[in-house]
Amino acid sequence: MSVNDEQPKSAPFPIGSPADAPSRLVKNGINGLDLDLAEKIQQLLLPKTLPDCSWCCIGVKNRMAEGLGGDYFDFIAMPDECQSLFIGDVTGHGLHASVVMSLIYGFIHRAALGTCTPLELVQQVNSFLIEFTRRSRTIDHYFSSSIFYGIINPGTLNMHYVNAGHVPALVLRNGVVRQLRSTGPPIGFFETPELHLQSFSFAKGDRLLLYTDGILEAANVSGELYGLDRLKKLLLDSAEAGHQEFLSLLFQALKDFGVADPPGDDCSAIVIDLHGPFS
């Protein structure tokens, strides 16, 4: 699977490390060497390689607002040969968000070893976060996150998923963009949130786009947000572009729109082109 050639060998797709982030955090009393080490550790948490699937092509691109951030994503092969995938966005960004992101990331990997459904897994992560919120009434809100968690059956191209307060996933099919909207609130706020399991049947030729709200809320110097309508239009206009090319076009579109570099919030995107199993 191709990767971004502009990245060092240790980062096969862009993991943001803005040059001025260390200076901003050092001013707040954080040692620069410690910050560099923390960034390297967080990069190790994010996937270094992408799944080698015969039924789809996957691309990922990420840009952190402060070198360290709260966006997280990964792909986990299930025992039944299904493919799980998730993308989430912890409340806030920067150093504290990276700590909470690490907790969630590790818990998901442990919980996914079982045979639980996306709904059961997201409920478990919510309970995990609630345990931390009980320990503090001043920083409890930081132990919260939006998350999209899905499991795709490669044989049927059917996906069961939970969207807990995350921005809508987008599916491009035959010139039409469909939205997989939220099926419940973000996790970490309520002990028993009303979460629902949904399903979606992909067709050969579909393009699935998962992303974080940093892309929709990216603003230019006038304060205008990039927004969902522009993202949907880009998805339509670049339908003929390959999955990796689309990601380059997306982040270039943010730059052309006038979004600052580094951005004001973490920006992550996953694109999956589904072509079905080969017979």
C-alpha atoms as a PDB file:
ATOM      1  CA  MET A   1       0.000   0.000   0.000  1.00  0.00           C
ATOM      2  CA  SER A   2       1.383   3.370  -0.982  1.00  0.00           C
ATOM      3  CA  VAL A   3       2.231   5.951   1.634  1.00  0.00           C
ATOM      4  CA  ASN A   4       3.051   9.621   1.643  1.00  0.00           C
ATOM      5  CA  ASP A   5       6.573   9.987   0.243  1.00  0.00           C
ATOM      6  CA  GLU A   6       7.102  13.306   1.994  1.00  0.00           C
ATOM      7  CA  GLN A   7       7.048  11.683   5.422  1.00  0.00           C
ATOM      8  CA  PRO A   8      10.054  10.103   7.166  1.00  0.00           C
ATOM      9  CA  LYS A   9      10.174   6.328   7.153  1.00  0.00           C
ATOM     10  CA  SER A  10       8.952   6.213  10.737  1.00  0.00           C
ATOM     11  CA  ALA A  11       5.663   7.900   9.759  1.00  0.00           C
ATOM     12  CA  PRO A  12       4.062   6.339   6.660  1.00  0.00           C
ATOM     13  CA  PHE A  13       1.298   8.945   6.609  1.00  0.00           C
ATOM     14  CA  PRO A  14       1.328  12.516   7.949  1.00  0.00           C
ATOM     15  CA  ILE A  15       1.363  12.734  11.721  1.00  0.00           C
ATOM     16  CA  GLY A  16       1.392  16.437  12.546  1.00  0.00           C
ATOM     17  CA  SER A  17       4.298  17.896  14.491  1.00  0.00           C
ATOM     18  CA  PRO A  18       4.111  21.659  13.936  1.00  0.00           C
ATOM     19  CA  ALA A  19       7.477  23.289  14.408  1.00  0.00           C
ATOM     20  CA  ASP A  20       6.209  26.006  16.720  1.00  0.00           C
ATOM     21  CA  ALA A  21       4.292  23.671  19.048  1.00  0.00           C
ATOM     22  CA  PRO A  22       7.287  22.867  21.283  1.00  0.00           C
ATOM     23  CA  SER A  23       8.019  26.559  21.811  1.00  0.00           C
ATOM     24  CA  ARG A  24       4.413  27.249  22.847  1.00  0.00           C
ATOM     25  CA  LEU A  25       4.389  24.416  25.359  1.00  0.00           C
ATOM     26  CA  VAL A  26       7.897  25.109  26.684  1.00  0.00           C
ATOM     27  CA  LYS A  27       6.673  28.585  27.610  1.00  0.00           C
ATOM     28  CA  ASN A  28       4.142  26.846  29.823  1.00  0.00           C
ATOM     29  CA  GLY A  29       6.883  25.022  31.695  1.00  0.00           C
ATOM     30  CA  ILE A  30       7.157  21.789  29.717  1.00  0.00           C
ATOM     31  CA  ASN A  31      10.668  20.637  28.877  1.00  0.00           C
ATOM     32  CA  GLY A  32      11.305  20.493  25.147  1.00  0.00           C
ATOM     33  CA  LEU A  33      12.983  17.088  25.294  1.00  0.00           C
ATOM     34  CA  ASP A  34      10.062  15.646  27.236  1.00  0.00           C
ATOM     35  CA  LEU A  35       7.669  17.098  24.683  1.00  0.00           C
ATOM     36  CA  ASP A  36       9.598  15.585  21.794  1.00  0.00           C
ATOM     37  CA  LEU A  37       9.546  12.189  23.510  1.00  0.00           C
ATOM     38  CA  ALA A  38       5.806  12.485  24.169  1.00  0.00           C
ATOM     39  CA  GLU A  39       5.180  13.247  20.487  1.00  0.00           C
ATOM     40  CA  LYS A  40       7.207  10.208  19.432  1.00  0.00           C
ATOM     41  CA  ILE A  41       5.302   7.976  21.851  1.00  0.00           C
ATOM     42  CA  GLN A  42       1.960   9.217  20.556  1.00  0.00           C
ATOM     43  CA  GLN A  43       3.052   8.561  16.980  1.00  0.00           C
ATOM     44  CA  LEU A  44       3.797   4.979  17.985  1.00  0.00           C
ATOM     45  CA  LEU A  45       0.223   4.604  19.236  1.00  0.00           C
ATOM     46  CA  LEU A  46      -1.204   5.557  15.863  1.00  0.00           C
ATOM     47  CA  PRO A  47      -1.032   2.828  13.185  1.00  0.00           C
ATOM     48  CA  LYS A  48       2.319   2.608  11.395  1.00  0.00           C
ATOM     49  CA  THR A  49       0.941   0.458   8.588  1.00  0.00           C
ATOM     50  CA  LEU A  50      -2.507   0.151   7.056  1.00  0.00           C
ATOM     51  CA  PRO A  51      -4.485  -3.068   6.608  1.00  0.00           C
ATOM     52  CA  ASP A  52      -3.595  -4.981   3.459  1.00  0.00           C
ATOM     53  CA  CYS A  53      -7.118  -5.798   2.285  1.00  0.00           C
ATOM     54  CA  SER A  54      -8.122  -7.405  -1.010  1.00  0.00           C
ATOM     55  CA  TRP A  55     -11.567  -5.804  -0.823  1.00  0.00           C
ATOM     56  CA  CYS A  56     -10.670  -2.147  -0.260  1.00  0.00           C
ATOM     57  CA  CYS A  57      -7.983   0.539  -0.400  1.00  0.00           C
ATOM     58  CA  ILE A  58      -7.352   2.610   2.724  1.00  0.00           C
ATOM     59  CA  GLY A  59      -5.640   5.962   3.189  1.00  0.00           C
ATOM     60  CA  VAL A  60      -5.111   8.132   6.290  1.00  0.00           C
ATOM     61  CA  LYS A  61      -3.875  11.673   6.817  1.00  0.00           C
ATOM     62  CA  ASN A  62      -3.507  13.561  10.088  1.00  0.00           C
ATOM     63  CA  ARG A  63      -2.400  17.030  11.223  1.00  0.00           C
ATOM     64  CA  MET A  64      -2.175  17.857  14.923  1.00  0.00           C
ATOM     65  CA  ALA A  65      -2.768  21.411  16.135  1.00  0.00           C
ATOM     66  CA  GLU A  66       0.044  21.289  18.700  1.00  0.00           C
ATOM     67  CA  GLY A  67       2.206  18.303  17.866  1.00  0.00           C
ATOM     68  CA  LEU A  68       0.352  16.359  20.542  1.00  0.00           C
ATOM     69  CA  GLY A  69      -3.386  15.999  20.158  1.00  0.00           C
ATOM     70  CA  GLY A  70      -6.623  14.206  20.907  1.00  0.00           C
ATOM     71  CA  ASP A  71      -7.489  12.645  17.548  1.00  0.00           C
ATOM     72  CA  TYR A  72      -7.101   8.864  17.415  1.00  0.00           C
ATOM     73  CA  PHE A  73      -7.848   6.146  14.883  1.00  0.00           C
ATOM     74  CA  ASP A  74      -6.903   2.595  14.034  1.00  0.00           C
ATOM     75  CA  PHE A  75      -7.887  -0.631  12.300  1.00  0.00           C
ATOM     76  CA  ILE A  76      -8.167  -3.987  14.083  1.00  0.00           C
ATOM     77  CA  ALA A  77      -8.490  -7.344  12.319  1.00  0.00           C
ATOM     78  CA  MET A  78     -11.151  -9.430  14.051  1.00  0.00           C
ATOM     79  CA  PRO A  79     -10.930 -13.202  14.658  1.00  0.00           C
ATOM     80  CA  ASP A  80     -13.779 -13.801  12.186  1.00  0.00           C
ATOM     81  CA  GLU A  81     -11.844 -11.928   9.437  1.00  0.00           C
ATOM     82  CA  CYS A  82     -14.056  -8.866   9.751  1.00  0.00           C
ATOM     83  CA  GLN A  83     -12.332  -5.476   9.880  1.00  0.00           C
ATOM     84  CA  SER A  84     -12.987  -3.065  12.712  1.00  0.00           C
ATOM     85  CA  LEU A  85     -12.119   0.597  12.374  1.00  0.00           C
ATOM     86  CA  PHE A  86     -12.513   3.603  14.599  1.00  0.00           C
ATOM     87  CA  ILE A  87     -11.844   7.301  14.690  1.00  0.00           C
ATOM     88  CA  GLY A  88     -12.368   9.578  17.654  1.00  0.00           C
ATOM     89  CA  ASP A  89     -11.766  13.061  18.959  1.00  0.00           C
ATOM     90  CA  VAL A  90     -11.102  13.762  22.636  1.00  0.00           C
ATOM     91  CA  THR A  91     -12.439  16.988  24.133  1.00  0.00           C
ATOM     92  CA  GLY A  92      -9.856  19.728  23.613  1.00  0.00           C
ATOM     93  CA  HIS A  93      -6.430  19.348  22.036  1.00  0.00           C
ATOM     94  CA  GLY A  94      -2.798  19.468  23.049  1.00  0.00           C
ATOM     95  CA  LEU A  95      -1.026  17.676  25.893  1.00  0.00           C
ATOM     96  CA  HIS A  96      -4.009  16.801  28.107  1.00  0.00           C
ATOM     97  CA  ALA A  97      -5.981  15.511  25.108  1.00  0.00           C
ATOM     98  CA  SER A  98      -3.086  13.262  24.135  1.00  0.00           C
ATOM     99  CA  VAL A  99      -3.129  11.658  27.602  1.00  0.00           C
ATOM    100  CA  VAL A 100      -6.855  10.889  27.438  1.00  0.00           C
ATOM    101  CA  MET A 101      -6.511   9.738  23.844  1.00  0.00           C
ATOM    102  CA  SER A 102      -3.845   7.250  24.945  1.00  0.00           C
ATOM    103  CA  LEU A 103      -6.139   5.842  27.638  1.00  0.00           C
ATOM    104  CA  ILE A 104      -9.014   5.351  25.192  1.00  0.00           C
ATOM    105  CA  TYR A 105      -6.774   3.923  22.493  1.00  0.00           C
ATOM    106  CA  GLY A 106      -5.335   1.299  24.809  1.00  0.00           C
ATOM    107  CA  PHE A 107      -8.732   0.354  26.241  1.00  0.00           C
ATOM    108  CA  ILE A 108     -10.235  -0.150  22.769  1.00  0.00           C
ATOM    109  CA  HIS A 109      -7.411  -2.443  21.733  1.00  0.00           C
ATOM    110  CA  ARG A 110      -7.918  -4.573  24.828  1.00  0.00           C
ATOM    111  CA  ALA A 111     -11.707  -4.651  24.554  1.00  0.00           C
ATOM    112  CA  ALA A 112     -11.634  -5.466  20.831  1.00  0.00           C
ATOM    113  CA  LEU A 113      -9.924  -8.784  21.577  1.00  0.00           C
ATOM    114  CA  GLY A 114     -13.334 -10.102  22.576  1.00  0.00           C
ATOM    115  CA  THR A 115     -16.327 -10.741  20.333  1.00  0.00           C
ATOM    116  CA  CYS A 116     -18.341  -7.704  21.381  1.00  0.00           C
ATOM    117  CA  THR A 117     -20.422  -5.671  18.958  1.00  0.00           C
ATOM    118  CA  PRO A 118     -19.614  -2.009  18.230  1.00  0.00           C
ATOM    119  CA  LEU A 119     -22.388  -1.016  20.632  1.00  0.00           C
ATOM    120  CA  GLU A 120     -21.026  -3.145  23.472  1.00  0.00           C
ATOM    121  CA  LEU A 121     -17.498  -1.866  22.909  1.00  0.00           C
ATOM    122  CA  VAL A 122     -18.484   1.804  22.881  1.00  0.00           C
ATOM    123  CA  GLN A 123     -20.549   1.257  26.035  1.00  0.00           C
ATOM    124  CA  GLN A 124     -17.490  -0.272  27.703  1.00  0.00           C
ATOM    125  CA  VAL A 125     -15.315   2.699  26.723  1.00  0.00           C
ATOM    126  CA  ASN A 126     -17.960   5.046  28.105  1.00  0.00           C
ATOM    127  CA  SER A 127     -17.970   3.222  31.465  1.00  0.00           C
ATOM    128  CA  PHE A 128     -14.168   3.364  31.488  1.00  0.00           C
ATOM    129  CA  LEU A 129     -14.217   7.156  31.063  1.00  0.00           C
ATOM    130  CA  ILE A 130     -16.975   7.646  33.621  1.00  0.00           C
ATOM    131  CA  GLU A 131     -14.728   6.046  36.254  1.00  0.00           C
ATOM    132  CA  PHE A 132     -12.227   8.872  35.692  1.00  0.00           C
ATOM    133  CA  THR A 133     -14.872  11.612  35.772  1.00  0.00           C
ATOM    134  CA  ARG A 134     -15.875  10.496  39.269  1.00  0.00           C
ATOM    135  CA  ARG A 135     -12.388  11.302  40.536  1.00  0.00           C
ATOM    136  CA  SER A 136     -12.558  15.034  39.798  1.00  0.00           C
ATOM    137  CA  ARG A 137     -15.239  17.694  39.518  1.00  0.00           C
ATOM    138  CA  THR A 138     -12.885  20.229  37.971  1.00  0.00           C
ATOM    139  CA  ILE A 139     -11.390  18.330  35.033  1.00  0.00           C
ATOM    140  CA  ASP A 140     -14.043  15.631  34.551  1.00  0.00           C
ATOM    141  CA  HIS A 141     -15.164  17.066  31.204  1.00  0.00           C
ATOM    142  CA  TYR A 142     -11.759  16.322  29.679  1.00  0.00           C
ATOM    143  CA  PHE A 143     -12.462  12.580  29.971  1.00  0.00           C
ATOM    144  CA  SER A 144     -14.893  12.633  27.075  1.00  0.00           C
ATOM    145  CA  SER A 145     -14.756  11.939  23.380  1.00  0.00           C
ATOM    146  CA  SER A 146     -16.721  11.522  20.211  1.00  0.00           C
ATOM    147  CA  ILE A 147     -16.120   8.228  18.424  1.00  0.00           C
ATOM    148  CA  PHE A 148     -17.174   6.376  15.302  1.00  0.00           C
ATOM    149  CA  TYR A 149     -16.640   2.625  15.658  1.00  0.00           C
ATOM    150  CA  GLY A 150     -17.582   0.188  12.916  1.00  0.00           C
ATOM    151  CA  ILE A 151     -17.031  -3.422  11.890  1.00  0.00           C
ATOM    152  CA  ILE A 152     -17.108  -4.301   8.177  1.00  0.00           C
ATOM    153  CA  ASN A 153     -17.750  -7.825   6.891  1.00  0.00           C
ATOM    154  CA  PRO A 154     -15.557  -8.126   3.774  1.00  0.00           C
ATOM    155  CA  GLY A 155     -17.732 -10.886   2.338  1.00  0.00           C
ATOM    156  CA  THR A 156     -20.961  -8.897   2.379  1.00  0.00           C
ATOM    157  CA  LEU A 157     -19.569  -5.333   2.629  1.00  0.00           C
ATOM    158  CA  ASN A 158     -22.053  -4.785   5.454  1.00  0.00           C
ATOM    159  CA  MET A 159     -20.974  -2.517   8.320  1.00  0.00           C
ATOM    160  CA  HIS A 160     -22.399  -2.377  11.831  1.00  0.00           C
ATOM    161  CA  TYR A 161     -21.457   0.860  13.556  1.00  0.00           C
ATOM    162  CA  VAL A 162     -22.004   3.293  16.391  1.00  0.00           C
ATOM    163  CA  ASN A 163     -21.509   7.015  15.927  1.00  0.00           C
ATOM    164  CA  ALA A 164     -21.267   8.499  19.411  1.00  0.00           C
ATOM    165  CA  GLY A 165     -21.493  12.241  18.895  1.00  0.00           C
ATOM    166  CA  HIS A 166     -19.009  12.202  16.034  1.00  0.00           C
ATOM    167  CA  VAL A 167     -19.306  14.167  12.804  1.00  0.00           C
ATOM    168  CA  PRO A 168     -21.252  12.230  10.149  1.00  0.00           C
ATOM    169  CA  ALA A 169     -19.315   9.707   8.109  1.00  0.00           C
ATOM    170  CA  LEU A 170     -19.787  10.310   4.389  1.00  0.00           C
ATOM    171  CA  VAL A 171     -20.360   7.684   1.711  1.00  0.00           C
ATOM    172  CA  LEU A 172     -20.010   8.608  -1.965  1.00  0.00           C
ATOM    173  CA  ARG A 173     -22.032   6.370  -4.271  1.00  0.00           C
ATOM    174  CA  ASN A 174     -22.820   7.088  -7.922  1.00  0.00           C
ATOM    175  CA  GLY A 175     -22.586  10.855  -7.558  1.00  0.00           C
ATOM    176  CA  VAL A 176     -24.598  11.025  -4.332  1.00  0.00           C
ATOM    177  CA  VAL A 177     -23.191  11.671  -0.842  1.00  0.00           C
ATOM    178  CA  ARG A 178     -24.917   9.842   2.016  1.00  0.00           C
ATOM    179  CA  GLN A 179     -24.413  10.716   5.678  1.00  0.00           C
ATOM    180  CA  LEU A 180     -24.020   8.236   8.543  1.00  0.00           C
ATOM    181  CA  ARG A 181     -25.177  10.541  11.321  1.00  0.00           C
ATOM    182  CA  SER A 182     -24.771  10.312  15.072  1.00  0.00           C
ATOM    183  CA  THR A 183     -26.478   7.398  16.802  1.00  0.00           C
ATOM    184  CA  GLY A 184     -25.960   8.741  20.328  1.00  0.00           C
ATOM    185  CA  PRO A 185     -24.135  11.345  22.442  1.00  0.00           C
ATOM    186  CA  PRO A 186     -20.361  11.554  22.942  1.00  0.00           C
ATOM    187  CA  ILE A 187     -18.929   9.163  25.502  1.00  0.00           C
ATOM    188  CA  GLY A 188     -17.760  10.178  28.971  1.00  0.00           C
ATOM    189  CA  PHE A 189     -20.696  12.456  29.854  1.00  0.00           C
ATOM    190  CA  PHE A 190     -23.480  10.070  30.904  1.00  0.00           C
ATOM    191  CA  GLU A 191     -23.342   6.822  32.857  1.00  0.00           C
ATOM    192  CA  THR A 192     -25.932   5.157  30.607  1.00  0.00           C
ATOM    193  CA  PRO A 193     -26.020   7.106  27.338  1.00  0.00           C
ATOM    194  CA  GLU A 194     -28.685   6.246  24.786  1.00  0.00           C
ATOM    195  CA  LEU A 195     -26.509   4.693  22.094  1.00  0.00           C
ATOM    196  CA  HIS A 196     -27.830   2.793  19.116  1.00  0.00           C
ATOM    197  CA  LEU A 197     -26.301   0.257  16.744  1.00  0.00           C
ATOM    198  CA  GLN A 198     -26.852   0.941  13.046  1.00  0.00           C
ATOM    199  CA  SER A 199     -25.900  -0.891   9.868  1.00  0.00           C
ATOM    200  CA  PHE A 200     -24.995   0.180   6.355  1.00  0.00           C
ATOM    201  CA  SER A 201     -24.560  -1.978   3.269  1.00  0.00           C
ATOM    202  CA  PHE A 202     -21.782  -0.800   0.988  1.00  0.00           C
ATOM    203  CA  ALA A 203     -21.732  -1.431  -2.743  1.00  0.00           C
ATOM    204  CA  LYS A 204     -18.695  -1.946  -4.926  1.00  0.00           C
ATOM    205  CA  GLY A 205     -17.312   1.431  -5.911  1.00  0.00           C
ATOM    206  CA  ASP A 206     -18.379   3.245  -2.738  1.00  0.00           C
ATOM    207  CA  ARG A 207     -15.994   5.658  -1.045  1.00  0.00           C
ATOM    208  CA  LEU A 208     -16.226   5.987   2.753  1.00  0.00           C
ATOM    209  CA  LEU A 209     -14.828   9.120   4.397  1.00  0.00           C
ATOM    210  CA  LEU A 210     -14.279   9.298   8.152  1.00  0.00           C
ATOM    211  CA  TYR A 211     -12.847  12.479   9.650  1.00  0.00           C
ATOM    212  CA  THR A 212     -12.758  14.655  12.768  1.00  0.00           C
ATOM    213  CA  ASP A 213     -14.498  17.954  13.404  1.00  0.00           C
ATOM    214  CA  GLY A 214     -11.226  19.846  13.085  1.00  0.00           C
ATOM    215  CA  ILE A 215     -11.760  19.682   9.313  1.00  0.00           C
ATOM    216  CA  LEU A 216     -15.311  21.061   9.403  1.00  0.00           C
ATOM    217  CA  GLU A 217     -14.421  23.736  11.957  1.00  0.00           C
ATOM    218  CA  ALA A 218     -11.189  24.825  10.286  1.00  0.00           C
ATOM    219  CA  ALA A 219     -11.484  28.598   9.844  1.00  0.00           C
ATOM    220  CA  ASN A 220      -9.852  31.131   7.547  1.00  0.00           C
ATOM    221  CA  VAL A 221      -8.679  34.598   8.606  1.00  0.00           C
ATOM    222  CA  SER A 222     -12.237  35.917   8.257  1.00  0.00           C
ATOM    223  CA  GLY A 223     -13.517  33.354  10.730  1.00  0.00           C
ATOM    224  CA  GLU A 224     -15.455  31.445   8.064  1.00  0.00           C
ATOM    225  CA  LEU A 225     -15.589  27.685   8.678  1.00  0.00           C
ATOM    226  CA  TYR A 226     -14.722  25.172   5.988  1.00  0.00           C
ATOM    227  CA  GLY A 227     -17.923  23.303   6.800  1.00  0.00           C
ATOM    228  CA  LEU A 228     -19.737  20.174   5.729  1.00  0.00           C
ATOM    229  CA  ASP A 229     -21.044  21.532   2.413  1.00  0.00           C
ATOM    230  CA  ARG A 230     -17.545  22.233   1.115  1.00  0.00           C
ATOM    231  CA  LEU A 231     -16.357  18.806   2.250  1.00  0.00           C
ATOM    232  CA  LYS A 232     -19.246  17.080   0.466  1.00  0.00           C
ATOM    233  CA  LYS A 233     -18.589  19.095  -2.708  1.00  0.00           C
ATOM    234  CA  LEU A 234     -14.908  18.140  -2.628  1.00  0.00           C
ATOM    235  CA  LEU A 235     -15.893  14.491  -2.236  1.00  0.00           C
ATOM    236  CA  LEU A 236     -18.117  14.749  -5.305  1.00  0.00           C
ATOM    237  CA  ASP A 237     -15.691  16.775  -7.413  1.00  0.00           C
ATOM    238  CA  SER A 238     -12.755  14.438  -6.726  1.00  0.00           C
ATOM    239  CA  ALA A 239     -14.614  11.173  -7.292  1.00  0.00           C
ATOM    240  CA  GLU A 240     -12.130  10.107  -9.983  1.00  0.00           C
ATOM    241  CA  ALA A 241      -9.093  10.723  -7.764  1.00  0.00           C
ATOM    242  CA  GLY A 242      -7.415   7.781  -6.044  1.00  0.00           C
ATOM    243  CA  HIS A 243      -7.777   7.403  -2.292  1.00  0.00           C
ATOM    244  CA  GLN A 244      -4.349   8.831  -1.493  1.00  0.00           C
ATOM    245  CA  GLU A 245      -4.765  11.641  -4.011  1.00  0.00           C
ATOM    246  CA  PHE A 246      -8.113  12.539  -2.455  1.00  0.00           C
ATOM    247  CA  LEU A 247      -6.485  13.025   0.957  1.00  0.00           C
ATOM    248  CA  SER A 248      -3.871  15.319  -0.584  1.00  0.00           C
ATOM    249  CA  LEU A 249      -6.634  17.285  -2.290  1.00  0.00           C
ATOM    250  CA  LEU A 250      -8.539  17.573   0.995  1.00  0.00           C
ATOM    251  CA  PHE A 251      -5.677  19.050   2.989  1.00  0.00           C
ATOM    252  CA  GLN A 252      -4.694  21.275   0.063  1.00  0.00           C
ATOM    253  CA  ALA A 253      -8.297  22.517  -0.050  1.00  0.00           C
ATOM    254  CA  LEU A 254      -8.026  23.512   3.614  1.00  0.00           C
ATOM    255  CA  LYS A 255      -4.826  25.404   2.839  1.00  0.00           C
ATOM    256  CA  ASP A 256      -6.376  27.123  -0.184  1.00  0.00           C
ATOM    257  CA  PHE A 257      -9.372  28.087   1.954  1.00  0.00           C
ATOM    258  CA  GLY A 258      -6.976  29.988   4.204  1.00  0.00           C
ATOM    259  CA  VAL A 259      -6.753  27.656   7.185  1.00  0.00           C
ATOM    260  CA  ALA A 260      -3.708  28.354   9.356  1.00  0.00           C
ATOM    261  CA  ASP A 261      -0.818  25.914   9.507  1.00  0.00           C
ATOM    262  CA  PRO A 262      -0.789  24.438  12.082  1.00  0.00           C
ATOM    263  CA  PRO A 263      -4.587  24.396  12.271  1.00  0.00           C
ATOM    264  CA  GLY A 264      -6.532  25.527  15.313  1.00  0.00           C
ATOM    265  CA  ASP A 265      -7.717  21.968  16.002  1.00  0.00           C
ATOM    266  CA  ASP A 266      -6.496  18.487  15.166  1.00  0.00           C
ATOM    267  CA  CYS A 267      -7.500  17.342  11.671  1.00  0.00           C
ATOM    268  CA  SER A 268      -7.683  13.659  10.720  1.00  0.00           C
ATOM    269  CA  ALA A 269      -9.250  11.827   7.783  1.00  0.00           C
ATOM    270  CA  ILE A 270      -9.619   8.197   6.699  1.00  0.00           C
ATOM    271  CA  VAL A 271     -10.745   7.314   3.189  1.00  0.00           C
ATOM    272  CA  ILE A 272     -11.732   3.788   2.189  1.00  0.00           C
ATOM    273  CA  ASP A 273     -12.491   2.786  -1.395  1.00  0.00           C
ATOM    274  CA  LEU A 274     -14.550  -0.401  -1.430  1.00  0.00           C
ATOM    275  CA  HIS A 275     -14.292  -2.699  -4.420  1.00  0.00           C
ATOM    276  CA  GLY A 276     -15.544  -5.925  -2.823  1.00  0.00           C
ATOM    277  CA  PRO A 277     -13.913  -9.330  -2.447  1.00  0.00           C
ATOM    278  CA  PHE A 278     -12.202 -10.886  -5.422  1.00  0.00           C
ATOM    279  CA  SER A 279     -13.696 -14.212  -6.465  1.00  0.00           C
END
